[in-house]
C-alpha atoms as a PDB file:
ATOM      1  CA  MET A   1      22.531  55.946 -21.854  1.00  0.00           C
ATOM      2  CA  GLU A   2      19.351  54.662 -24.094  1.00  0.00           C
ATOM      3  CA  ASN A   3      21.096  51.884 -24.651  1.00  0.00           C
ATOM      4  CA  VAL A   4      21.658  51.091 -20.959  1.00  0.00           C
ATOM      5  CA  ASN A   5      18.370  51.755 -19.660  1.00  0.00           C
ATOM      6  CA  LYS A   6      16.803  49.513 -22.181  1.00  0.00           C
ATOM      7  CA  ALA A   7      18.920  46.528 -21.281  1.00  0.00           C
ATOM      8  CA  SER A   8      18.318  47.386 -17.404  1.00  0.00           C
ATOM      9  CA  LEU A   9      13.951  47.544 -18.481  1.00  0.00           C
ATOM     10  CA  ASN A  10      14.901  44.036 -20.101  1.00  0.00           C
ATOM     11  CA  GLY A  11      16.699  42.776 -16.834  1.00  0.00           C
ATOM     12  CA  LYS A  12      13.871  43.819 -15.141  1.00  0.00           C
ATOM     13  CA  LYS A  13      11.384  42.134 -16.912  1.00  0.00           C
ATOM     14  CA  VAL A  14      13.594  38.578 -16.850  1.00  0.00           C
ATOM     15  CA  SER A  15      13.773  39.370 -13.363  1.00  0.00           C
ATOM     16  CA  TRP A  16       9.964  39.427 -12.887  1.00  0.00           C
ATOM     17  CA  LYS A  17       8.886  36.622 -15.185  1.00  0.00           C
ATOM     18  CA  ARG A  18      11.389  34.469 -13.412  1.00  0.00           C
ATOM     19  CA  HIS A  19       9.700  34.932 -10.000  1.00  0.00           C
ATOM     20  CA  LEU A  20       6.694  34.031 -12.098  1.00  0.00           C
ATOM     21  CA  ILE A  21       7.734  29.915 -11.495  1.00  0.00           C
ATOM     22  CA  HIS A  22       7.193  30.245  -7.888  1.00  0.00           C
ATOM     23  CA  ILE A  23       2.853  30.663  -8.560  1.00  0.00           C
ATOM     24  CA  PHE A  24       2.784  27.087 -10.168  1.00  0.00           C
ATOM     25  CA  PRO A  25       3.237  25.110  -7.310  1.00  0.00           C
ATOM     26  CA  ILE A  26       0.317  27.133  -5.125  1.00  0.00           C
ATOM     27  CA  PRO A  27      -2.214  24.741  -6.027  1.00  0.00           C
ATOM     28  CA  ALA A  28      -0.677  21.665  -5.273  1.00  0.00           C
ATOM     29  CA  ILE A  29       0.429  22.462  -1.984  1.00  0.00           C
ATOM     30  CA  VAL A  30      -3.394  24.096  -1.654  1.00  0.00           C
ATOM     31  CA  ILE A  31      -4.860  20.741  -2.059  1.00  0.00           C
ATOM     32  CA  TYR A  32      -2.481  18.997  -0.134  1.00  0.00           C
ATOM     33  CA  THR A  33      -3.171  20.864   2.454  1.00  0.00           C
ATOM     34  CA  VAL A  34      -6.716  20.413   2.149  1.00  0.00           C
ATOM     35  CA  PHE A  35      -6.496  16.617   1.927  1.00  0.00           C
ATOM     36  CA  VAL A  36      -3.397  15.756   3.631  1.00  0.00           C
ATOM     37  CA  VAL A  37      -2.243  18.123   5.714  1.00  0.00           C
ATOM     38  CA  TYR A  38      -5.572  18.945   7.578  1.00  0.00           C
ATOM     39  CA  PRO A  39      -7.031  15.770   7.703  1.00  0.00           C
ATOM     40  CA  ILE A  40      -3.648  14.640   9.810  1.00  0.00           C
ATOM     41  CA  LEU A  41      -3.854  17.764  11.772  1.00  0.00           C
ATOM     42  CA  ALA A  42      -7.914  17.096  12.738  1.00  0.00           C
ATOM     43  CA  ALA A  43      -7.136  13.621  13.561  1.00  0.00           C
ATOM     44  CA  PHE A  44      -5.111  14.950  16.373  1.00  0.00           C
ATOM     45  CA  THR A  45      -6.563  17.487  17.748  1.00  0.00           C
ATOM     46  CA  TYR A  46     -10.299  15.070  17.169  1.00  0.00           C
ATOM     47  CA  SER A  47      -8.428  12.213  19.116  1.00  0.00           C
ATOM     48  CA  LEU A  48      -7.930  14.516  22.284  1.00  0.00           C
ATOM     49  CA  PHE A  49     -11.829  15.339  22.874  1.00  0.00           C
ATOM     50  CA  ASP A  50     -14.745  13.915  23.657  1.00  0.00           C
ATOM     51  CA  TRP A  51     -17.686  13.059  21.262  1.00  0.00           C
ATOM     52  CA  ASN A  52     -20.743  12.854  21.278  1.00  0.00           C
ATOM     53  CA  GLY A  53     -21.782  11.923  17.633  1.00  0.00           C
ATOM     54  CA  LEU A  54     -20.197  14.753  15.312  1.00  0.00           C
ATOM     55  CA  THR A  55     -20.499  17.051  18.769  1.00  0.00           C
ATOM     56  CA  MET A  56     -16.446  17.758  20.150  1.00  0.00           C
ATOM     57  CA  GLY A  57     -16.529  17.764  23.846  1.00  0.00           C
ATOM     58  CA  SER A  58     -14.445  18.372  26.351  1.00  0.00           C
ATOM     59  CA  PHE A  59     -10.751  18.308  26.138  1.00  0.00           C
ATOM     60  CA  ASN A  60      -9.821  14.765  27.615  1.00  0.00           C
ATOM     61  CA  ASN A  61      -5.946  14.568  27.146  1.00  0.00           C
ATOM     62  CA  PHE A  62      -5.187  11.388  26.024  1.00  0.00           C
ATOM     63  CA  GLU A  63      -7.866   9.163  27.645  1.00  0.00           C
ATOM     64  CA  ASN A  64      -8.983   7.970  23.944  1.00  0.00           C
ATOM     65  CA  PHE A  65      -5.571   6.710  23.682  1.00  0.00           C
ATOM     66  CA  VAL A  66      -5.990   4.901  27.180  1.00  0.00           C
ATOM     67  CA  THR A  67      -9.422   3.144  26.149  1.00  0.00           C
ATOM     68  CA  LEU A  68      -7.685   1.870  22.944  1.00  0.00           C
ATOM     69  CA  PHE A  69      -5.106   0.157  24.646  1.00  0.00           C
ATOM     70  CA  THR A  70      -6.857  -1.035  27.742  1.00  0.00           C
ATOM     71  CA  LYS A  71     -10.451  -1.029  27.613  1.00  0.00           C
ATOM     72  CA  GLU A  72     -12.283  -3.831  25.826  1.00  0.00           C
ATOM     73  CA  PRO A  73     -13.160  -4.520  22.744  1.00  0.00           C
ATOM     74  CA  PHE A  74     -10.881  -1.837  21.363  1.00  0.00           C
ATOM     75  CA  ASN A  75      -7.437  -3.669  23.177  1.00  0.00           C
ATOM     76  CA  THR A  76      -8.439  -6.805  21.348  1.00  0.00           C
ATOM     77  CA  LEU A  77      -9.220  -5.712  18.039  1.00  0.00           C
ATOM     78  CA  PHE A  78      -6.694  -3.296  17.773  1.00  0.00           C
ATOM     79  CA  TRP A  79      -4.095  -6.024  18.583  1.00  0.00           C
ATOM     80  CA  ASN A  80      -5.860  -8.430  16.489  1.00  0.00           C
ATOM     81  CA  ALA A  81      -6.520  -5.880  13.040  1.00  0.00           C
ATOM     82  CA  LEU A  82      -2.343  -5.178  13.665  1.00  0.00           C
ATOM     83  CA  GLY A  83      -1.453  -8.778  13.634  1.00  0.00           C
ATOM     84  CA  HIS A  84      -3.346  -8.912  10.084  1.00  0.00           C
ATOM     85  CA  ASN A  85      -1.551  -5.677   8.866  1.00  0.00           C
ATOM     86  CA  ILE A  86       1.598  -7.284   9.810  1.00  0.00           C
ATOM     87  CA  TYR A  87       0.746 -10.922   8.143  1.00  0.00           C
ATOM     88  CA  TYR A  88      -0.601  -8.841   5.239  1.00  0.00           C
ATOM     89  CA  PHE A  89       2.509  -7.117   4.710  1.00  0.00           C
ATOM     90  CA  ALA A  90       4.407 -10.813   4.956  1.00  0.00           C
ATOM     91  CA  VAL A  91       2.495 -12.178   2.815  1.00  0.00           C
ATOM     92  CA  GLU A  92       2.905  -9.704   0.178  1.00  0.00           C
ATOM     93  CA  MET A  93       6.727  -9.664   0.161  1.00  0.00           C
ATOM     94  CA  VAL A  94       6.948 -12.894  -0.148  1.00  0.00           C
ATOM     95  CA  VAL A  95       4.172 -13.565  -3.246  1.00  0.00           C
ATOM     96  CA  GLN A  96       3.548 -10.397  -4.655  1.00  0.00           C
ATOM     97  CA  ASN A  97       7.052  -8.919  -4.905  1.00  0.00           C
ATOM     98  CA  GLY A  98       8.644 -12.218  -5.190  1.00  0.00           C
ATOM     99  CA  ILE A  99       6.505 -13.099  -8.522  1.00  0.00           C
ATOM    100  CA  ALA A 100       6.566  -9.343  -9.329  1.00  0.00           C
ATOM    101  CA  PHE A 101      10.481  -9.602  -9.381  1.00  0.00           C
ATOM    102  CA  GLY A 102      10.709 -13.196 -11.255  1.00  0.00           C
ATOM    103  CA  LEU A 103       8.399 -11.636 -14.336  1.00  0.00           C
ATOM    104  CA  ALA A 104      10.483  -8.328 -14.517  1.00  0.00           C
ATOM    105  CA  TYR A 105      13.854 -10.466 -14.610  1.00  0.00           C
ATOM    106  CA  ILE A 106      12.083 -12.848 -17.332  1.00  0.00           C
ATOM    107  CA  ILE A 107      10.977  -9.984 -19.371  1.00  0.00           C
ATOM    108  CA  PHE A 108      14.454  -7.992 -19.055  1.00  0.00           C
ATOM    109  CA  LYS A 109      16.076 -11.405 -20.308  1.00  0.00           C
ATOM    110  CA  LYS A 110      13.523 -10.295 -23.460  1.00  0.00           C
ATOM    111  CA  VAL A 111      11.864 -13.369 -24.264  1.00  0.00           C
ATOM    112  CA  LYS A 112       9.668 -13.264 -26.951  1.00  0.00           C
ATOM    113  CA  GLY A 113       6.740 -11.652 -26.716  1.00  0.00           C
ATOM    114  CA  ALA A 114       7.765  -9.607 -23.579  1.00  0.00           C
ATOM    115  CA  GLN A 115       5.932  -6.684 -24.340  1.00  0.00           C
ATOM    116  CA  PHE A 116       2.721  -8.313 -24.039  1.00  0.00           C
ATOM    117  CA  PHE A 117       3.469  -9.588 -21.082  1.00  0.00           C
ATOM    118  CA  LYS A 118       4.422  -6.404 -19.576  1.00  0.00           C
ATOM    119  CA  VAL A 119       1.011  -5.287 -20.794  1.00  0.00           C
ATOM    120  CA  ALA A 120      -0.272  -8.329 -19.658  1.00  0.00           C
ATOM    121  CA  TYR A 121       0.912  -8.117 -16.374  1.00  0.00           C
ATOM    122  CA  PHE A 122      -0.105  -4.329 -15.637  1.00  0.00           C
ATOM    123  CA  LEU A 123      -3.779  -4.502 -16.585  1.00  0.00           C
ATOM    124  CA  PRO A 124      -5.664  -5.406 -13.521  1.00  0.00           C
ATOM    125  CA  ARG A 125      -3.729  -2.439 -11.698  1.00  0.00           C
ATOM    126  CA  LEU A 126      -6.441  -0.367 -14.105  1.00  0.00           C
ATOM    127  CA  LEU A 127      -8.938  -1.913 -12.571  1.00  0.00           C
ATOM    128  CA  SER A 128     -10.504  -0.123  -9.567  1.00  0.00           C
ATOM    129  CA  ILE A 129     -10.090  -1.919  -6.200  1.00  0.00           C
ATOM    130  CA  ILE A 130     -13.474  -1.764  -5.413  1.00  0.00           C
ATOM    131  CA  ILE A 131     -14.863  -3.805  -8.692  1.00  0.00           C
ATOM    132  CA  VAL A 132     -11.674  -6.111  -8.270  1.00  0.00           C
ATOM    133  CA  GLY A 133     -13.032  -7.319  -5.119  1.00  0.00           C
ATOM    134  CA  PHE A 134     -16.438  -7.623  -6.550  1.00  0.00           C
ATOM    135  CA  LEU A 135     -15.843  -9.579  -9.749  1.00  0.00           C
ATOM    136  CA  TRP A 136     -13.082 -11.890  -6.635  1.00  0.00           C
ATOM    137  CA  LYS A 137     -15.850 -12.478  -4.895  1.00  0.00           C
ATOM    138  CA  LEU A 138     -18.088 -13.824  -7.465  1.00  0.00           C
ATOM    139  CA  ILE A 139     -15.519 -16.113  -8.101  1.00  0.00           C
ATOM    140  CA  LEU A 140     -14.838 -17.160  -4.847  1.00  0.00           C
ATOM    141  CA  ASN A 141     -18.250 -18.424  -4.724  1.00  0.00           C
ATOM    142  CA  PRO A 142     -18.697 -21.529  -2.367  1.00  0.00           C
ATOM    143  CA  ASN A 143     -21.374 -22.863  -4.569  1.00  0.00           C
ATOM    144  CA  LEU A 144     -21.790 -21.200  -7.963  1.00  0.00           C
ATOM    145  CA  GLY A 145     -17.789 -19.784  -8.014  1.00  0.00           C
ATOM    146  CA  ILE A 146     -16.165 -20.437 -11.564  1.00  0.00           C
ATOM    147  CA  LEU A 147     -12.674 -21.326  -8.689  1.00  0.00           C
ATOM    148  CA  ASN A 148     -15.138 -24.252  -6.696  1.00  0.00           C
ATOM    149  CA  VAL A 149     -17.132 -25.516  -9.775  1.00  0.00           C
ATOM    150  CA  THR A 150     -13.746 -26.362 -11.299  1.00  0.00           C
ATOM    151  CA  LEU A 151     -11.956 -27.872  -8.856  1.00  0.00           C
ATOM    152  CA  LYS A 152     -15.383 -30.172  -8.255  1.00  0.00           C
ATOM    153  CA  LYS A 153     -14.988 -30.775 -12.136  1.00  0.00           C
ATOM    154  CA  ILE A 154     -11.916 -31.953 -11.999  1.00  0.00           C
ATOM    155  CA  GLY A 155     -12.452 -34.212  -9.100  1.00  0.00           C
ATOM    156  CA  LEU A 156     -10.743 -31.988  -6.285  1.00  0.00           C
ATOM    157  CA  ASP A 157     -13.973 -31.511  -4.376  1.00  0.00           C
ATOM    158  CA  SER A 158     -12.094 -31.356  -1.271  1.00  0.00           C
ATOM    159  CA  TRP A 159     -10.230 -28.448  -2.278  1.00  0.00           C
ATOM    160  CA  ALA A 160     -13.552 -26.738  -2.801  1.00  0.00           C
ATOM    161  CA  VAL A 161     -14.471 -24.487   0.283  1.00  0.00           C
ATOM    162  CA  ALA A 162     -16.259 -21.759   1.483  1.00  0.00           C
ATOM    163  CA  TRP A 163     -12.599 -19.094   1.053  1.00  0.00           C
ATOM    164  CA  LEU A 164     -14.105 -16.097   1.841  1.00  0.00           C
ATOM    165  CA  GLY A 165     -16.689 -17.545   4.437  1.00  0.00           C
ATOM    166  CA  ASN A 166     -14.066 -20.164   6.623  1.00  0.00           C
ATOM    167  CA  PRO A 167     -11.937 -17.887   9.232  1.00  0.00           C
ATOM    168  CA  ASP A 168      -9.044 -19.941   8.100  1.00  0.00           C
ATOM    169  CA  THR A 169      -8.878 -19.336   4.593  1.00  0.00           C
ATOM    170  CA  ALA A 170     -10.809 -15.687   4.241  1.00  0.00           C
ATOM    171  CA  LEU A 171      -7.354 -13.564   5.178  1.00  0.00           C
ATOM    172  CA  THR A 172      -5.211 -15.223   3.123  1.00  0.00           C
ATOM    173  CA  ALA A 173      -7.432 -14.995   0.091  1.00  0.00           C
ATOM    174  CA  VAL A 174      -7.968 -11.478   0.286  1.00  0.00           C
ATOM    175  CA  VAL A 175      -4.311 -10.755   0.403  1.00  0.00           C
ATOM    176  CA  LEU A 176      -3.124 -13.233  -2.873  1.00  0.00           C
ATOM    177  CA  ILE A 177      -6.106 -11.277  -4.710  1.00  0.00           C
ATOM    178  CA  ASN A 178      -4.675  -7.887  -4.038  1.00  0.00           C
ATOM    179  CA  SER A 179      -1.278  -9.434  -4.722  1.00  0.00           C
ATOM    180  CA  TRP A 180      -2.995 -10.285  -7.736  1.00  0.00           C
ATOM    181  CA  PHE A 181      -3.594  -6.653  -8.551  1.00  0.00           C
ATOM    182  CA  ALA A 182      -0.390  -5.243  -7.109  1.00  0.00           C
ATOM    183  CA  ILE A 183       1.799  -7.652  -9.199  1.00  0.00           C
ATOM    184  CA  GLY A 184       2.338  -5.337 -12.933  1.00  0.00           C
ATOM    185  CA  PHE A 185       2.868  -2.017 -11.269  1.00  0.00           C
ATOM    186  CA  PHE A 186       5.650  -3.536  -8.995  1.00  0.00           C
ATOM    187  CA  MET A 187       7.221  -5.521 -11.962  1.00  0.00           C
ATOM    188  CA  LEU A 188       7.605  -2.246 -13.475  1.00  0.00           C
ATOM    189  CA  ILE A 189       9.653  -0.979 -10.569  1.00  0.00           C
ATOM    190  CA  PHE A 190      11.830  -4.358 -10.441  1.00  0.00           C
ATOM    191  CA  LEU A 191      12.163  -3.952 -14.615  1.00  0.00           C
ATOM    192  CA  ALA A 192      13.254  -0.654 -14.510  1.00  0.00           C
ATOM    193  CA  GLY A 193      16.124  -1.309 -11.216  1.00  0.00           C
ATOM    194  CA  LEU A 194      17.049  -4.246 -13.559  1.00  0.00           C
ATOM    195  CA  GLN A 195      17.473  -2.503 -16.782  1.00  0.00           C
ATOM    196  CA  SER A 196      19.606   0.548 -14.947  1.00  0.00           C
ATOM    197  CA  ILE A 197      22.008  -2.171 -14.471  1.00  0.00           C
ATOM    198  CA  SER A 198      25.194  -2.374 -16.821  1.00  0.00           C
ATOM    199  CA  THR A 199      25.142  -4.538 -19.147  1.00  0.00           C
ATOM    200  CA  GLU A 200      28.777  -5.013 -18.995  1.00  0.00           C
ATOM    201  CA  VAL A 201      28.945  -5.494 -15.238  1.00  0.00           C
ATOM    202  CA  LEU A 202      26.749  -8.769 -16.169  1.00  0.00           C
ATOM    203  CA  GLU A 203      28.836  -9.416 -18.587  1.00  0.00           C
ATOM    204  CA  ALA A 204      31.979  -9.822 -16.689  1.00  0.00           C
ATOM    205  CA  ALA A 205      29.627 -11.420 -13.775  1.00  0.00           C
ATOM    206  CA  LYS A 206      29.064 -14.193 -16.380  1.00  0.00           C
ATOM    207  CA  ILE A 207      32.816 -14.594 -17.768  1.00  0.00           C
ATOM    208  CA  GLU A 208      33.598 -15.191 -13.843  1.00  0.00           C
ATOM    209  CA  GLY A 209      30.921 -17.579 -13.811  1.00  0.00           C
ATOM    210  CA  ALA A 210      27.950 -15.887 -12.255  1.00  0.00           C
ATOM    211  CA  VAL A 211      25.303 -17.689 -13.664  1.00  0.00           C
ATOM    212  CA  GLY A 212      21.747 -18.263 -12.537  1.00  0.00           C
ATOM    213  CA  PHE A 213      20.729 -18.093  -9.413  1.00  0.00           C
ATOM    214  CA  ARG A 214      24.002 -17.302  -8.249  1.00  0.00           C
ATOM    215  CA  LEU A 215      23.810 -14.176 -10.665  1.00  0.00           C
ATOM    216  CA  VAL A 216      20.633 -13.285  -9.173  1.00  0.00           C
ATOM    217  CA  ARG A 217      22.003 -13.293  -5.226  1.00  0.00           C
ATOM    218  CA  SER A 218      25.425 -11.811  -6.179  1.00  0.00           C
ATOM    219  CA  ILE A 219      25.350  -9.557  -8.865  1.00  0.00           C
ATOM    220  CA  ILE A 220      21.908  -8.532  -9.197  1.00  0.00           C
ATOM    221  CA  LEU A 221      20.085  -8.086  -5.856  1.00  0.00           C
ATOM    222  CA  PRO A 222      23.037  -5.943  -4.405  1.00  0.00           C
ATOM    223  CA  MET A 223      22.979  -3.591  -7.683  1.00  0.00           C
ATOM    224  CA  MET A 224      19.136  -3.249  -7.326  1.00  0.00           C
ATOM    225  CA  PHE A 225      19.172  -2.212  -3.211  1.00  0.00           C
ATOM    226  CA  GLN A 226      17.460   1.044  -3.759  1.00  0.00           C
ATOM    227  CA  PRO A 227      14.409  -0.239  -5.924  1.00  0.00           C
ATOM    228  CA  LEU A 228      14.221  -3.312  -3.360  1.00  0.00           C
ATOM    229  CA  VAL A 229      13.792  -0.812  -0.570  1.00  0.00           C
ATOM    230  CA  ILE A 230      11.622   1.363  -2.169  1.00  0.00           C
ATOM    231  CA  VAL A 231       9.321  -1.854  -3.006  1.00  0.00           C
ATOM    232  CA  ILE A 232       9.679  -2.901   0.654  1.00  0.00           C
ATOM    233  CA  VAL A 233       8.475   0.689   1.515  1.00  0.00           C
ATOM    234  CA  MET A 234       5.700   0.942  -0.565  1.00  0.00           C
ATOM    235  CA  THR A 235       4.583  -2.688   0.436  1.00  0.00           C
ATOM    236  CA  PHE A 236       4.817  -1.432   4.094  1.00  0.00           C
ATOM    237  CA  ILE A 237       1.919   1.584   3.356  1.00  0.00           C
ATOM    238  CA  GLN A 238       0.424  -0.708   0.693  1.00  0.00           C
ATOM    239  CA  ALA A 239      -0.712  -3.050   3.605  1.00  0.00           C
ATOM    240  CA  PHE A 240      -0.883  -0.709   7.019  1.00  0.00           C
ATOM    241  CA  GLU A 241      -3.544   1.083   4.905  1.00  0.00           C
ATOM    242  CA  ALA A 242      -5.526  -1.272   2.794  1.00  0.00           C
ATOM    243  CA  PHE A 243      -9.437  -0.827   3.570  1.00  0.00           C
ATOM    244  CA  GLU A 244     -10.812  -0.749  -0.572  1.00  0.00           C
ATOM    245  CA  LEU A 245     -10.605  -4.559  -0.842  1.00  0.00           C
ATOM    246  CA  VAL A 246     -11.711  -6.217   2.229  1.00  0.00           C
ATOM    247  CA  PHE A 247     -14.752  -3.433   2.949  1.00  0.00           C
ATOM    248  CA  ALA A 248     -15.566  -4.740  -0.713  1.00  0.00           C
ATOM    249  CA  MET A 249     -15.457  -8.538  -0.016  1.00  0.00           C
ATOM    250  CA  GLN A 250     -16.206  -9.102   3.777  1.00  0.00           C
ATOM    251  CA  GLY A 251     -17.730  -5.439   4.832  1.00  0.00           C
ATOM    252  CA  SER A 252     -16.924  -3.391   7.751  1.00  0.00           C
ATOM    253  CA  MET A 253     -16.824  -5.947  10.292  1.00  0.00           C
ATOM    254  CA  GLY A 254     -13.798  -7.925   9.182  1.00  0.00           C
ATOM    255  CA  GLU A 255     -16.344 -11.308   8.155  1.00  0.00           C
ATOM    256  CA  PRO A 256     -15.540 -13.925   9.115  1.00  0.00           C
ATOM    257  CA  TYR A 257     -15.594 -13.093  13.019  1.00  0.00           C
ATOM    258  CA  TYR A 258     -13.239  -9.879  12.384  1.00  0.00           C
ATOM    259  CA  SER A 259     -10.735 -12.492  10.772  1.00  0.00           C
ATOM    260  CA  THR A 260     -10.056 -10.383   7.646  1.00  0.00           C
ATOM    261  CA  ASP A 261     -10.641  -6.785  10.011  1.00  0.00           C
ATOM    262  CA  LEU A 262      -7.479  -4.626   9.094  1.00  0.00           C
ATOM    263  CA  LEU A 263      -6.281  -1.216  10.811  1.00  0.00           C
ATOM    264  CA  ALA A 264      -7.792   0.439   7.904  1.00  0.00           C
ATOM    265  CA  VAL A 265     -11.450  -1.499   8.508  1.00  0.00           C
ATOM    266  CA  PHE A 266     -11.276  -1.044  12.091  1.00  0.00           C
ATOM    267  CA  PHE A 267     -11.032   2.641  12.123  1.00  0.00           C
ATOM    268  CA  TYR A 268     -13.488   3.005   9.888  1.00  0.00           C
ATOM    269  CA  ARG A 269     -15.892   1.150  11.738  1.00  0.00           C
ATOM    270  CA  THR A 270     -14.798   2.395  15.292  1.00  0.00           C
ATOM    271  CA  ALA A 271     -15.372   6.408  13.527  1.00  0.00           C
ATOM    272  CA  PHE A 272     -18.282   6.275  12.108  1.00  0.00           C
ATOM    273  CA  GLY A 273     -20.424   3.057  12.915  1.00  0.00           C
ATOM    274  CA  SER A 274     -20.722  -0.690  11.584  1.00  0.00           C
ATOM    275  CA  SER A 275     -22.970  -2.241   9.618  1.00  0.00           C
ATOM    276  CA  ALA A 276     -23.960  -3.763  12.573  1.00  0.00           C
ATOM    277  CA  GLY A 277     -25.834  -1.151  13.969  1.00  0.00           C
ATOM    278  CA  ASP A 278     -23.288   0.204  16.694  1.00  0.00           C
ATOM    279  CA  SER A 279     -22.767   3.790  17.357  1.00  0.00           C
ATOM    280  CA  GLY A 280     -19.268   5.373  16.060  1.00  0.00           C
ATOM    281  CA  ALA A 281     -16.824   6.817  18.408  1.00  0.00           C
ATOM    282  CA  LEU A 282     -15.222   9.344  16.543  1.00  0.00           C
ATOM    283  CA  GLY A 283     -12.478  10.230  19.443  1.00  0.00           C
ATOM    284  CA  ILE A 284     -11.286   6.763  19.577  1.00  0.00           C
ATOM    285  CA  GLY A 285     -11.733   6.295  15.838  1.00  0.00           C
ATOM    286  CA  SER A 286      -9.038   9.896  16.006  1.00  0.00           C
ATOM    287  CA  ALA A 287      -6.586   7.827  18.098  1.00  0.00           C
ATOM    288  CA  LEU A 288      -6.404   4.716  16.246  1.00  0.00           C
ATOM    289  CA  ALA A 289      -5.964   6.894  12.809  1.00  0.00           C
ATOM    290  CA  VAL A 290      -3.286   8.894  14.728  1.00  0.00           C
ATOM    291  CA  VAL A 291      -1.777   5.926  15.774  1.00  0.00           C
ATOM    292  CA  MET A 292      -1.432   4.322  12.415  1.00  0.00           C
ATOM    293  CA  PHE A 293      -0.198   7.354  10.646  1.00  0.00           C
ATOM    294  CA  VAL A 294       2.930   6.939  13.429  1.00  0.00           C
ATOM    295  CA  ILE A 295       3.420   3.468  13.184  1.00  0.00           C
ATOM    296  CA  ILE A 296       3.366   4.122   8.673  1.00  0.00           C
ATOM    297  CA  ALA A 297       5.547   7.184   9.320  1.00  0.00           C
ATOM    298  CA  THR A 298       7.263   5.872  11.527  1.00  0.00           C
ATOM    299  CA  ILE A 299       8.514   1.994   9.794  1.00  0.00           C
ATOM    300  CA  SER A 300       9.012   4.369   6.197  1.00  0.00           C
ATOM    301  CA  ALA A 301      11.496   6.708   8.128  1.00  0.00           C
ATOM    302  CA  VAL A 302      13.545   4.257   9.503  1.00  0.00           C
ATOM    303  CA  PHE A 303      13.788   2.516   6.149  1.00  0.00           C
ATOM    304  CA  MET A 304      14.615   5.828   4.231  1.00  0.00           C
ATOM    305  CA  SER A 305      17.346   7.109   6.583  1.00  0.00           C
ATOM    306  CA  TYR A 306      18.702   3.706   5.789  1.00  0.00           C
ATOM    307  CA  VAL A 307      18.849   3.905   2.623  1.00  0.00           C
ATOM    308  CA  ASN A 308      20.351   7.567   2.858  1.00  0.00           C
ATOM    309  CA  LYS A 309      23.302   6.125   4.981  1.00  0.00           C
ATOM    310  CA  LYS A 310      23.677   3.528   2.590  1.00  0.00           C
ATOM    311  CA  GLU A 311      24.610   5.600  -0.216  1.00  0.00           C
ATOM    312  CA  SER A 312      26.117   8.452   1.715  1.00  0.00           C
ATOM    313  CA  ALA A 313      29.165   5.683   2.832  1.00  0.00           C
END
């Protein structure tokens, strides 16, 4: 009887300790709620009210959304910024992810010094994006920047332009800088995908005559479907959340002449005011934040749903 009681007591102790595991996620849940869930819900709420500075006014239904999409200058600036975000995403997909895959493939082939190159390509990611922005702003300075100085010294004077001061080149320059900054991270994702492919499959494909680009196109890319979708989704989110680099290099006005204006920069300027002295419109800014959230969440959900269907098929 005594042994039975001891076994029962020990069982209760084990059961009680087992429930302790539910305590550990609480700090993460609290942080996530405070810094993610609450701001999203607050943005939805704020977008439905009039605002006088930071003072909430009367409920105005969806008037802020109507203003954002139909009234000047908000509607023009919105579509301008959205177009820039789409361009941002397209260039990153081609340049950033194209180079990242190429570097990952070279390292995967175990060329000499592969480990060194892996670290070297990832190093820019360790820097603050604000520091990266200011460093590249110095490099691209039209008069004293090392890029234009080098171009002039090698006889390419016509190529030495005001990269960040010309509306035709400013946005492309910013996107390429961001691509340089992020290449190392996406290279590691591609490298993980390459390393997950069975060597037997690759050897069999080579025996069948699939080598070079044909091997990549017919065997490697189809077998890296999941990493590819993850890269696409992350690149999309990165492009539509881009703010710090443009803000550090071009300010809150998306200079020159709104040619580098992005949705996040437009949101900041609309909600909190601009460096030009414009006062903020928190209600319209919140409406814009809701629209950005819907765009990012919808596209990401579509991609992930497609992945799930592919895996279950």
